[in-house]
Amino acid sequence: MKKKDGSWLIDALFIAAITAFLIWPIFKTKYFDNWLTIDSTFIADGRYLSEHWPHPGWQPLWYGGNRFDYIYPPALRYGTAALTKLFPIIPARAYHLYTALFYVLGIACVYLFARRGSGSRAAAWLCAAGTALLSPTYLFLADIRADTQPYMPQRLNVLVRYGEGPHMTALALLPLGLFFAWRGLRAGQDRWLASAAIVFALVVSNNLYGATALAIFFPVLCWAMFTEWRDWRVWARAGAMASLVYGLSAFWLTPSFLRITSRNLVFVAPPGTPGAGWAAAALAMVFAGGSWFLVRKKVWTAWSVFVCGASVFL
């Protein structure tokens, strides 16, 4: 038993080491010779924050001047500024160090979550390797598939070419939060529920697209746990966790921030397709009924429900 338990830590550390080797230049990078990347946006914001610590109140460089809290979720900017102040490194190096650390953590956390959910060490290794090297978008989005550089992992590709550090950071934290939530929703232990809420708050505070992924995955996770355990307390625990997540984020995730962000979305995303909401609701009802039946017949487990549900709705 001890040997089995120890393999969790050994495997996670080994995966982290492999991932660090894969992206090692990012740990030492200051600036990319790449005009497509938006790294400079986050680097400049981290530099400005480090020079006007702890809260500048106003950011004159964005949109002709704007409230600092309205610009972007705070965690990445504060992480960059904090590393700049703690170590003798410039903001550009601090930003890449921040994203590289979470990149390494994220692949290891995919392993931990997959092993907890599936109970299979081999499946967890496959999930970690798939996350590190591939992307589900290859199956559905031809433009993304064509954009990938030869022999370059997709997540490293978008990090280096386009500067999507916040996306990678949120992806890194998401499986860790789901790992804690899986344990907390099942056992009802406060330490796991609180840990999940803290990590989920960090997901939201790093990137709003990460928050969108969380909004998709978390209800599916709750439903998966409920179908197997048939315990209504799962929903009470989920509600308490969601309330704590918002409470930890409420100092910046204000109604005015959400209102402004939703208005700005019209400039970067097309409007929703008419009827898409009804189609999603119908799909949710079909999936709920089908998964409930399959779990009841012992064909599926909670992990099967989560994997299939997350894939369908994402």
Protein backbone atom coordinates (compact mmCIF):
# COMPACT_ATOMS: atom_id res chain seq x y z
CA MET A 1 0.00 0.00 0.00
CA LYS A 2 2.79 2.40 0.88
CA LYS A 3 4.54 1.59 -2.37
CA LYS A 4 1.38 2.32 -4.31
CA ASP A 5 0.82 5.60 -2.49
CA GLY A 6 4.43 6.61 -3.05
CA SER A 7 4.12 6.10 -6.78
CA TRP A 8 1.79 9.11 -6.98
CA LEU A 9 4.51 11.48 -5.82
CA ILE A 10 7.27 9.76 -7.76
CA ASP A 11 5.33 9.85 -11.02
CA ALA A 12 4.21 13.46 -10.55
CA LEU A 13 7.76 14.64 -9.84
CA PHE A 14 9.10 12.69 -12.81
CA ILE A 15 6.46 14.18 -15.12
CA ALA A 16 7.26 17.65 -13.80
CA ALA A 17 10.97 17.07 -14.48
CA ILE A 18 10.28 15.87 -18.02
CA THR A 19 8.05 18.87 -18.69
CA ALA A 20 10.65 21.26 -17.29
CA PHE A 21 13.22 19.75 -19.65
CA LEU A 22 10.77 20.14 -22.54
CA ILE A 23 10.30 23.87 -21.95
CA TRP A 24 13.59 24.69 -20.21
CA PRO A 25 14.43 27.75 -22.38
CA ILE A 26 11.22 29.45 -21.13
CA PHE A 27 12.65 29.54 -17.60
CA LYS A 28 15.54 31.70 -18.82
CA THR A 29 13.77 33.75 -21.48
CA LYS A 30 13.50 37.53 -21.26
CA TYR A 31 12.11 38.61 -24.62
CA PHE A 32 11.04 36.63 -27.67
CA ASP A 33 12.13 37.72 -31.14
CA ASN A 34 8.53 37.42 -32.27
CA TRP A 35 6.17 40.21 -33.29
CA LEU A 36 3.09 37.98 -33.08
CA THR A 37 3.32 37.43 -29.34
CA ILE A 38 1.33 39.51 -26.85
CA ASP A 39 3.93 38.91 -24.12
CA SER A 40 4.73 42.61 -24.01
CA THR A 41 1.19 43.37 -22.84
CA PHE A 42 1.53 41.32 -19.66
CA ILE A 43 5.18 42.21 -19.13
CA ALA A 44 4.42 45.92 -19.28
CA ASP A 45 1.50 45.53 -16.89
CA GLY A 46 3.63 43.56 -14.44
CA ARG A 47 6.36 46.18 -14.62
CA TYR A 48 3.90 49.01 -14.02
CA LEU A 49 2.44 47.18 -11.02
CA SER A 50 5.87 46.45 -9.53
CA GLU A 51 6.68 50.18 -9.71
CA HIS A 52 3.33 51.21 -8.17
CA TRP A 53 2.93 48.46 -5.60
CA PRO A 54 0.60 47.26 -4.11
CA HIS A 55 -2.23 48.81 -6.14
CA PRO A 56 -1.86 51.69 -8.60
CA GLY A 57 -5.57 52.43 -8.79
CA TRP A 58 -5.24 53.78 -12.34
CA GLN A 59 -3.50 52.44 -15.45
CA PRO A 60 -2.78 55.29 -17.90
CA LEU A 61 -1.39 53.02 -20.64
CA TRP A 62 -4.54 50.99 -21.40
CA TYR A 63 -7.48 52.29 -23.46
CA GLY A 64 -6.33 55.88 -23.01
CA GLY A 65 -6.43 55.37 -19.23
CA ASN A 66 -8.56 52.98 -17.20
CA ARG A 67 -9.13 51.66 -13.71
CA PHE A 68 -6.45 49.09 -12.96
CA ASP A 69 -9.04 46.54 -11.82
CA TYR A 70 -10.95 46.74 -15.11
CA ILE A 71 -8.08 45.68 -17.35
CA TYR A 72 -7.41 42.01 -16.66
CA PRO A 73 -7.71 39.41 -13.88
CA PRO A 74 -5.05 40.21 -11.28
CA ALA A 75 -3.16 36.98 -10.50
CA LEU A 76 -0.78 36.90 -13.45
CA ARG A 77 0.09 40.56 -13.09
CA TYR A 78 0.68 40.27 -9.35
CA GLY A 79 2.65 37.06 -9.81
CA THR A 80 4.94 38.77 -12.31
CA ALA A 81 5.35 41.83 -10.11
CA ALA A 82 5.97 39.73 -6.99
CA LEU A 83 8.74 37.71 -8.67
CA THR A 84 10.30 40.97 -9.88
CA LYS A 85 10.37 42.31 -6.33
CA LEU A 86 11.51 39.05 -4.70
CA PHE A 87 14.36 38.23 -7.08
CA PRO A 88 16.89 40.34 -8.99
CA ILE A 89 15.19 39.74 -12.34
CA ILE A 90 13.50 42.05 -14.80
CA PRO A 91 9.69 41.84 -15.39
CA ALA A 92 10.13 40.07 -18.73
CA ARG A 93 12.07 37.25 -17.08
CA ALA A 94 9.61 37.18 -14.17
CA TYR A 95 6.64 36.79 -16.49
CA HIS A 96 8.15 33.85 -18.34
CA LEU A 97 9.30 32.26 -15.09
CA TYR A 98 5.76 32.54 -13.72
CA THR A 99 4.20 30.88 -16.76
CA ALA A 100 6.91 28.20 -16.97
CA LEU A 101 6.41 27.17 -13.35
CA PHE A 102 2.69 26.75 -13.87
CA TYR A 103 3.26 24.95 -17.17
CA VAL A 104 5.30 22.31 -15.32
CA LEU A 105 2.79 22.13 -12.46
CA GLY A 106 -0.11 21.76 -14.88
CA ILE A 107 1.10 18.63 -16.66
CA ALA A 108 1.82 16.94 -13.33
CA CYS A 109 -1.64 17.92 -12.04
CA VAL A 110 -3.31 16.38 -15.09
CA TYR A 111 -1.64 13.12 -14.05
CA LEU A 112 -2.85 13.45 -10.45
CA PHE A 113 -6.44 14.21 -11.42
CA ALA A 114 -6.62 11.47 -14.05
CA ARG A 115 -5.19 8.91 -11.66
CA ARG A 116 -7.59 9.90 -8.88
CA GLY A 117 -10.58 9.74 -11.19
CA SER A 118 -9.72 6.68 -13.26
CA GLY A 119 -7.78 4.72 -10.67
CA SER A 120 -5.35 3.73 -13.44
CA ARG A 121 -1.69 4.66 -13.38
CA ALA A 122 -1.31 3.91 -17.10
CA ALA A 123 -4.33 6.05 -18.02
CA ALA A 124 -2.98 8.92 -15.93
CA TRP A 125 0.37 8.74 -17.72
CA LEU A 126 -1.43 8.74 -21.08
CA CYS A 127 -3.45 11.81 -20.09
CA ALA A 128 -0.35 13.69 -18.95
CA ALA A 129 1.54 12.81 -22.13
CA GLY A 130 -1.42 13.78 -24.29
CA THR A 131 -1.76 17.15 -22.55
CA ALA A 132 1.96 17.85 -22.87
CA LEU A 133 2.25 16.92 -26.54
CA LEU A 134 -1.13 17.17 -28.28
CA SER A 135 -4.42 19.05 -28.23
CA PRO A 136 -8.03 18.02 -28.84
CA THR A 137 -8.32 20.98 -31.19
CA TYR A 138 -6.36 18.98 -33.78
CA LEU A 139 -9.50 16.87 -34.32
CA PHE A 140 -11.92 19.75 -34.84
CA LEU A 141 -10.10 22.90 -35.96
CA ALA A 142 -8.15 22.60 -39.18
CA ASP A 143 -6.66 26.10 -38.84
CA ILE A 144 -5.15 25.25 -35.46
CA ARG A 145 -3.82 21.95 -36.80
CA ALA A 146 -2.19 23.72 -39.75
CA ASP A 147 -0.75 26.44 -37.52
CA THR A 148 1.24 24.01 -35.37
CA GLN A 149 4.98 23.92 -35.92
CA PRO A 150 6.50 20.52 -36.81
CA TYR A 151 7.28 18.43 -33.72
CA MET A 152 6.27 21.26 -31.39
CA PRO A 153 3.66 20.63 -28.66
CA GLN A 154 0.56 22.75 -29.22
CA ARG A 155 0.54 24.40 -25.80
CA LEU A 156 4.19 25.34 -26.11
CA ASN A 157 3.46 26.61 -29.61
CA VAL A 158 0.74 29.04 -28.50
CA LEU A 159 2.81 30.09 -25.49
CA VAL A 160 5.87 30.96 -27.57
CA ARG A 161 4.22 32.25 -30.75
CA TYR A 162 1.27 34.12 -29.29
CA GLY A 163 2.13 34.71 -25.65
CA GLU A 164 -0.85 32.90 -24.15
CA GLY A 165 0.67 32.67 -20.68
CA PRO A 166 -2.63 33.32 -18.86
CA HIS A 167 -4.31 30.46 -20.73
CA MET A 168 -1.54 28.03 -19.80
CA THR A 169 -1.60 29.17 -16.18
CA ALA A 170 -5.34 28.61 -15.90
CA LEU A 171 -5.02 25.21 -17.59
CA ALA A 172 -2.32 24.26 -15.09
CA LEU A 173 -4.46 25.13 -12.07
CA LEU A 174 -7.72 23.64 -13.36
CA PRO A 175 -6.85 19.92 -12.95
CA LEU A 176 -5.44 20.59 -9.48
CA GLY A 177 -8.72 22.21 -8.42
CA LEU A 178 -10.71 19.36 -9.97
CA PHE A 179 -8.51 16.87 -8.10
CA PHE A 180 -9.32 18.57 -4.78
CA ALA A 181 -13.00 18.89 -5.71
CA TRP A 182 -13.23 15.19 -6.58
CA ARG A 183 -12.06 14.31 -3.10
CA GLY A 184 -14.05 17.02 -1.36
CA LEU A 185 -17.38 16.33 -3.06
CA ARG A 186 -17.07 12.65 -2.29
CA ALA A 187 -15.83 12.79 1.29
CA GLY A 188 -17.27 16.13 2.36
CA GLN A 189 -14.06 17.05 4.15
CA ASP A 190 -13.58 20.76 4.65
CA ARG A 191 -9.88 20.80 3.82
CA TRP A 192 -10.46 19.39 0.34
CA LEU A 193 -13.43 21.65 -0.37
CA ALA A 194 -11.50 24.72 0.79
CA SER A 195 -8.41 23.72 -1.21
CA ALA A 196 -10.51 23.30 -4.34
CA ALA A 197 -12.16 26.69 -3.82
CA ILE A 198 -8.80 28.43 -3.41
CA VAL A 199 -7.39 26.85 -6.57
CA PHE A 200 -10.55 27.61 -8.55
CA ALA A 201 -10.34 31.23 -7.41
CA LEU A 202 -6.80 31.31 -8.78
CA VAL A 203 -8.04 29.86 -12.08
CA VAL A 204 -10.57 32.67 -12.39
CA SER A 205 -8.02 35.26 -11.23
CA ASN A 206 -5.52 34.24 -13.91
CA ASN A 207 -7.70 34.04 -17.00
CA LEU A 208 -11.38 34.42 -17.90
CA TYR A 209 -11.21 31.68 -20.54
CA GLY A 210 -9.95 29.42 -17.77
CA ALA A 211 -13.00 30.52 -15.79
CA THR A 212 -15.17 29.55 -18.77
CA ALA A 213 -13.60 26.08 -18.86
CA LEU A 214 -14.21 25.81 -15.12
CA ALA A 215 -17.86 26.75 -15.64
CA ILE A 216 -18.12 23.82 -18.07
CA PHE A 217 -16.14 21.22 -16.14
CA PHE A 218 -17.33 21.80 -12.58
CA PRO A 219 -21.06 21.11 -13.12
CA VAL A 220 -20.14 17.99 -15.10
CA LEU A 221 -17.89 16.88 -12.23
CA CYS A 222 -20.68 17.43 -9.71
CA TRP A 223 -23.15 15.49 -11.85
CA ALA A 224 -20.63 12.67 -12.28
CA MET A 225 -20.18 12.36 -8.52
CA PHE A 226 -23.92 12.48 -7.94
CA THR A 227 -24.73 9.77 -10.48
CA GLU A 228 -22.43 7.31 -8.73
CA TRP A 229 -22.97 8.19 -5.08
CA ARG A 230 -26.62 9.37 -5.24
CA ASP A 231 -25.94 11.72 -2.33
CA TRP A 232 -27.76 15.08 -2.45
CA ARG A 233 -25.09 16.56 -0.20
CA VAL A 234 -22.86 16.70 -3.28
CA TRP A 235 -24.86 19.70 -4.50
CA ALA A 236 -24.74 21.41 -1.11
CA ARG A 237 -20.97 21.00 -1.03
CA ALA A 238 -20.71 22.25 -4.61
CA GLY A 239 -22.79 25.32 -3.75
CA ALA A 240 -20.63 26.07 -0.72
CA MET A 241 -17.52 25.72 -2.84
CA ALA A 242 -18.87 28.02 -5.56
CA SER A 243 -19.79 30.63 -2.95
CA LEU A 244 -16.30 30.51 -1.50
CA VAL A 245 -14.75 30.85 -4.95
CA TYR A 246 -16.73 33.99 -5.63
CA GLY A 247 -16.01 35.32 -2.15
CA LEU A 248 -12.27 34.94 -2.76
CA SER A 249 -12.59 36.67 -6.15
CA ALA A 250 -15.15 39.34 -5.28
CA PHE A 251 -12.57 42.03 -4.52
CA TRP A 252 -11.90 42.35 -8.27
CA LEU A 253 -14.69 40.31 -9.96
CA THR A 254 -17.28 43.02 -9.43
CA PRO A 255 -20.61 43.43 -11.28
CA SER A 256 -19.20 46.43 -13.13
CA PHE A 257 -16.17 44.40 -14.27
CA LEU A 258 -18.44 41.65 -15.58
CA ARG A 259 -20.67 44.17 -17.33
CA ILE A 260 -17.77 45.91 -19.06
CA THR A 261 -16.14 42.61 -20.03
CA SER A 262 -19.37 41.29 -21.55
CA ARG A 263 -19.69 44.48 -23.60
CA ASN A 264 -16.10 44.20 -24.81
CA LEU A 265 -16.70 40.63 -25.98
CA VAL A 266 -18.66 41.90 -28.97
CA PHE A 267 -15.39 43.24 -30.40
CA VAL A 268 -13.51 39.92 -30.18
CA ALA A 269 -16.18 37.23 -30.59
CA PRO A 270 -19.14 36.76 -32.92
CA PRO A 271 -22.63 36.78 -31.41
CA GLY A 272 -24.19 33.52 -30.32
CA THR A 273 -26.08 31.38 -32.81
CA PRO A 274 -29.87 31.59 -32.43
CA GLY A 275 -31.17 28.46 -30.77
CA ALA A 276 -27.78 27.40 -29.43
CA GLY A 277 -29.00 27.72 -25.85
CA TRP A 278 -31.97 25.46 -26.50
CA ALA A 279 -29.75 22.94 -28.27
CA ALA A 280 -27.35 22.93 -25.33
CA ALA A 281 -30.23 22.44 -22.87
CA ALA A 282 -31.60 19.53 -24.92
CA LEU A 283 -28.14 17.97 -25.12
CA ALA A 284 -27.73 18.35 -21.34
CA MET A 285 -31.04 16.57 -20.72
CA VAL A 286 -30.15 13.70 -23.06
CA PHE A 287 -26.70 13.36 -21.51
CA ALA A 288 -28.07 13.48 -17.96
CA GLY A 289 -30.63 10.80 -18.66
CA GLY A 290 -28.22 8.58 -20.55
CA SER A 291 -25.41 8.86 -18.02
CA TRP A 292 -27.79 8.23 -15.11
CA PHE A 293 -29.01 5.03 -16.78
CA LEU A 294 -25.48 3.81 -17.66
CA VAL A 295 -24.13 4.42 -14.15
CA ARG A 296 -27.17 2.72 -12.61
CA LYS A 297 -26.53 -0.33 -14.83
CA LYS A 298 -22.85 -0.31 -13.74
CA VAL A 299 -21.73 0.34 -17.32
CA TRP A 300 -20.18 3.72 -16.50
CA THR A 301 -18.41 5.08 -13.44
CA ALA A 302 -18.24 8.67 -12.24
CA TRP A 303 -15.01 9.07 -14.16
CA SER A 304 -16.68 7.87 -17.37
CA VAL A 305 -19.45 10.42 -16.88
CA PHE A 306 -16.98 13.24 -16.31
CA VAL A 307 -14.74 12.42 -19.28
CA CYS A 308 -17.63 12.00 -21.72
CA GLY A 309 -19.56 15.00 -20.37
CA ALA A 310 -16.54 17.30 -20.42
CA SER A 311 -15.71 16.24 -23.97
CA VAL A 312 -19.26 16.72 -25.25
CA PHE A 313 -19.92 20.12 -23.69
CA LEU A 314 -16.48 21.56 -24.34
